[in-house]
Protein backbone atom coordinates (compact mmCIF):
# COMPACT_ATOMS: atom_id res chain seq x y z
CA UNK A 1 78.21 61.65 0.30
CA UNK A 2 76.95 63.02 -3.04
CA UNK A 3 80.01 61.60 -4.80
CA UNK A 4 79.35 58.15 -3.31
CA UNK A 5 75.73 58.19 -4.48
CA UNK A 6 76.79 59.38 -7.93
CA UNK A 7 79.37 56.59 -8.20
CA UNK A 8 76.80 53.97 -7.13
CA UNK A 9 74.26 55.25 -9.65
CA UNK A 10 76.87 55.26 -12.42
CA UNK A 11 77.88 51.69 -11.53
CA UNK A 12 74.26 50.51 -11.52
CA UNK A 13 73.61 52.21 -14.85
CA UNK A 14 76.59 50.48 -16.47
CA UNK A 15 75.66 47.14 -14.88
CA UNK A 16 72.03 47.21 -16.08
CA UNK A 17 73.07 48.28 -19.57
CA UNK A 18 75.25 45.19 -19.74
CA UNK A 19 72.27 42.99 -18.89
CA UNK A 20 69.75 44.63 -21.19
CA UNK A 21 68.98 42.66 -24.28
CA UNK A 22 68.35 44.14 -27.68
CA UNK A 23 65.05 43.17 -29.28
CA UNK A 24 66.85 41.94 -32.40
CA UNK A 25 68.91 39.46 -30.34
CA UNK A 26 65.99 37.52 -28.87
CA UNK A 27 66.13 33.92 -30.05
CA UNK A 28 64.28 30.68 -29.44
CA UNK A 29 63.39 27.40 -31.12
CA UNK A 30 60.64 26.89 -33.67
CA UNK A 31 58.97 23.52 -32.95
CA UNK A 32 57.85 23.14 -36.56
CA UNK A 33 61.29 23.37 -38.20
CA UNK A 34 63.43 22.60 -35.13
CA UNK A 35 65.58 25.62 -36.00
CA UNK A 36 66.66 28.45 -33.73
CA UNK A 37 64.90 31.66 -34.73
CA UNK A 38 66.43 35.06 -33.93
CA UNK A 39 64.03 37.96 -34.02
CA UNK A 40 66.45 40.22 -35.91
CA UNK A 41 66.72 37.61 -38.69
CA UNK A 42 62.97 37.38 -39.34
CA UNK A 43 62.17 39.44 -42.43
CA UNK A 44 59.72 42.18 -41.54
CA UNK A 45 57.98 43.55 -44.58
CA UNK A 46 54.83 45.27 -43.31
CA UNK A 47 54.93 43.71 -39.85
CA UNK A 48 55.77 40.75 -37.66
CA UNK A 49 52.92 39.43 -35.55
CA UNK A 50 53.64 37.47 -32.38
CA UNK A 51 50.66 35.79 -30.76
CA UNK A 52 50.99 34.15 -27.36
CA UNK A 53 49.47 30.68 -27.42
CA UNK A 54 49.04 27.62 -25.24
CA UNK A 55 47.22 24.35 -25.88
CA UNK A 56 45.90 24.56 -22.31
CA UNK A 57 44.13 27.91 -22.76
CA UNK A 58 40.48 27.74 -23.88
CA UNK A 59 40.68 31.34 -25.14
CA UNK A 60 43.33 30.24 -27.65
CA UNK A 61 40.83 27.68 -28.96
CA UNK A 62 38.11 30.32 -29.20
CA UNK A 63 40.33 32.40 -31.49
CA UNK A 64 41.54 29.55 -33.72
CA UNK A 65 39.18 30.29 -36.64
CA UNK A 66 39.79 34.04 -36.42
CA UNK A 67 43.54 33.41 -36.39
CA UNK A 68 43.32 31.19 -39.47
CA UNK A 69 41.34 33.90 -41.28
CA UNK A 70 43.84 36.62 -40.37
CA UNK A 71 46.79 34.48 -41.47
CA UNK A 72 45.15 33.67 -44.81
CA UNK A 73 44.07 37.28 -45.34
CA UNK A 74 47.25 39.14 -44.36
CA UNK A 75 50.25 36.83 -44.87
CA UNK A 76 50.24 37.61 -48.58
CA UNK A 77 50.15 41.34 -47.79
CA UNK A 78 53.50 41.41 -46.02
CA UNK A 79 52.68 40.29 -42.46
CA UNK A 80 54.57 37.38 -40.89
CA UNK A 81 52.72 35.47 -38.16
CA UNK A 82 54.42 33.52 -35.36
CA UNK A 83 52.85 31.84 -32.36
CA UNK A 84 54.86 31.94 -29.16
CA UNK A 85 54.34 29.60 -26.23
CA UNK A 86 55.21 31.05 -22.81
CA UNK A 87 53.78 28.02 -21.01
CA UNK A 88 55.75 26.13 -18.41
CA UNK A 89 53.37 23.16 -18.57
CA UNK A 90 55.26 19.87 -18.86
CA UNK A 91 52.75 18.39 -21.30
CA UNK A 92 53.54 21.05 -23.91
CA UNK A 93 56.65 19.48 -25.35
CA UNK A 94 57.99 20.28 -28.82
CA UNK A 95 56.53 16.99 -30.06
CA UNK A 96 53.02 17.63 -28.71
CA UNK A 97 53.05 21.22 -29.97
CA UNK A 98 54.19 20.13 -33.42
CA UNK A 99 51.40 17.54 -33.54
CA UNK A 100 48.91 20.15 -32.38
CA UNK A 101 49.98 22.54 -35.14
CA UNK A 102 49.74 19.85 -37.81
CA UNK A 103 46.22 18.92 -36.67
CA UNK A 104 45.07 22.54 -36.26
CA UNK A 105 45.69 23.53 -39.87
CA UNK A 106 47.58 26.64 -38.72
CA UNK A 107 50.74 26.86 -40.76
CA UNK A 108 53.07 29.36 -39.06
CA UNK A 109 56.21 29.04 -36.95
CA UNK A 110 55.53 28.05 -33.33
CA UNK A 111 58.17 29.43 -30.99
CA UNK A 112 58.97 28.02 -27.57
CA UNK A 113 59.69 30.47 -24.76
CA UNK A 114 60.46 28.17 -21.80
CA UNK A 115 62.54 30.80 -19.96
CA UNK A 116 59.93 33.44 -20.88
CA UNK A 117 62.55 35.83 -22.28
CA UNK A 118 60.26 36.93 -25.11
CA UNK A 119 57.24 36.99 -22.80
CA UNK A 120 59.00 39.26 -20.31
CA UNK A 121 60.57 41.44 -22.98
CA UNK A 122 57.21 42.12 -24.65
CA UNK A 123 55.36 42.17 -21.28
CA UNK A 124 52.89 39.53 -22.44
CA UNK A 125 50.39 38.78 -19.68
CA UNK A 126 47.55 36.97 -21.48
CA UNK A 127 47.00 34.08 -23.86
CA UNK A 128 46.22 34.97 -26.56
CA UNK A 129 47.82 38.39 -26.77
CA UNK A 130 48.92 40.02 -30.02
CA UNK A 131 52.17 41.94 -30.48
CA UNK A 132 52.49 43.67 -33.87
CA UNK A 133 56.06 44.74 -34.61
CA UNK A 134 56.99 47.09 -37.44
CA UNK A 135 60.17 48.73 -38.66
CA UNK A 136 60.42 52.16 -37.07
CA UNK A 137 62.87 55.01 -37.39
CA UNK A 138 65.06 53.53 -34.64
CA UNK A 139 64.63 49.84 -35.44
CA UNK A 140 61.81 47.56 -34.38
CA UNK A 141 58.85 49.10 -32.61
CA UNK A 142 55.61 47.75 -31.24
CA UNK A 143 52.82 49.25 -33.34
CA UNK A 144 49.98 47.40 -31.61
CA UNK A 145 49.58 45.14 -28.60
CA UNK A 146 46.64 43.49 -26.96
CA UNK A 147 43.33 41.92 -27.90
CA UNK A 148 42.17 40.50 -31.21
CA UNK A 149 38.69 41.94 -30.76
CA UNK A 150 36.02 42.70 -28.18
CA UNK A 151 34.40 39.27 -27.86
CA UNK A 152 36.50 36.16 -27.32
CA UNK A 153 33.54 33.87 -26.61
CA UNK A 154 31.27 34.60 -29.58
CA UNK A 155 32.93 35.32 -32.90
CA UNK A 156 29.59 36.25 -34.46
CA UNK A 157 29.02 38.94 -31.81
CA UNK A 158 32.28 40.81 -32.38
CA UNK A 159 31.65 44.52 -32.93
CA UNK A 160 35.22 45.85 -32.83
CA UNK A 161 38.16 44.09 -34.48
CA UNK A 162 41.05 45.98 -32.86
CA UNK A 163 43.88 43.90 -34.28
CA UNK A 164 42.51 43.72 -37.81
CA UNK A 165 41.95 47.50 -37.74
CA UNK A 166 45.60 47.98 -36.70
CA UNK A 167 46.79 45.86 -39.64
CA UNK A 168 44.59 47.79 -42.08
CA UNK A 169 45.85 51.10 -40.71
CA UNK A 170 49.44 49.97 -41.30
CA UNK A 171 48.53 48.96 -44.86
CA UNK A 172 47.21 52.52 -45.37
CA UNK A 173 50.48 53.99 -44.04
CA UNK A 174 48.91 55.07 -40.76
CA UNK A 175 49.85 54.42 -37.15
CA UNK A 176 47.43 52.03 -35.45
CA UNK A 177 44.96 53.65 -33.14
CA UNK A 178 44.52 52.72 -30.46
CA UNK A 179 48.01 51.22 -30.19
CA UNK A 180 47.02 49.08 -27.21
CA UNK A 181 43.85 47.31 -26.07
CA UNK A 182 43.77 45.15 -22.97
CA UNK A 183 43.95 41.50 -23.98
CA UNK A 184 41.40 39.03 -22.65
CA UNK A 185 42.31 35.43 -22.00
CA UNK A 186 44.26 33.11 -19.75
CA UNK A 187 46.90 34.60 -17.48
CA UNK A 188 50.49 33.76 -18.36
CA UNK A 189 51.97 31.73 -15.51
CA UNK A 190 55.37 33.14 -14.61
CA UNK A 191 56.40 30.67 -11.92
């Protein structure tokens, strides 16, 4: 009986290892360039920032000006920004998203995630949600995940800028603390 259980567990372990995907192998299409982007091929200097986004989420609109500021402030300091769309809404086609990006004035790659591979891998549950990836001792690691700040509705009333603090801590050679803050926003639809 013990041998049978051991054999089953060994089989399951081998099977699941075959299905697990390495972070570096995640790939998807950038609607701006039309090119396939593979995570492992994106140069990570200080950090790669993935931000979940959807045109249908009012919280994404509330953060648009803050996002533009962060991109202008930190892109030149070694941080690469990418938006990622986990939406399964039919009206969010590559054409409409490309038009949206051109009109928004946000100039970063916009990745589609129609099968939600990236969303599931990074356990993204909200829009917007920030994932800050850095180079660690064993490859890529998530240095920070979660909210931009503590007030999505009123930018002028923000008292704690979690994400910006994490970036500044990385620039100082420190680990971000806290490494995770619960994101506020629209729920990612996984159906």
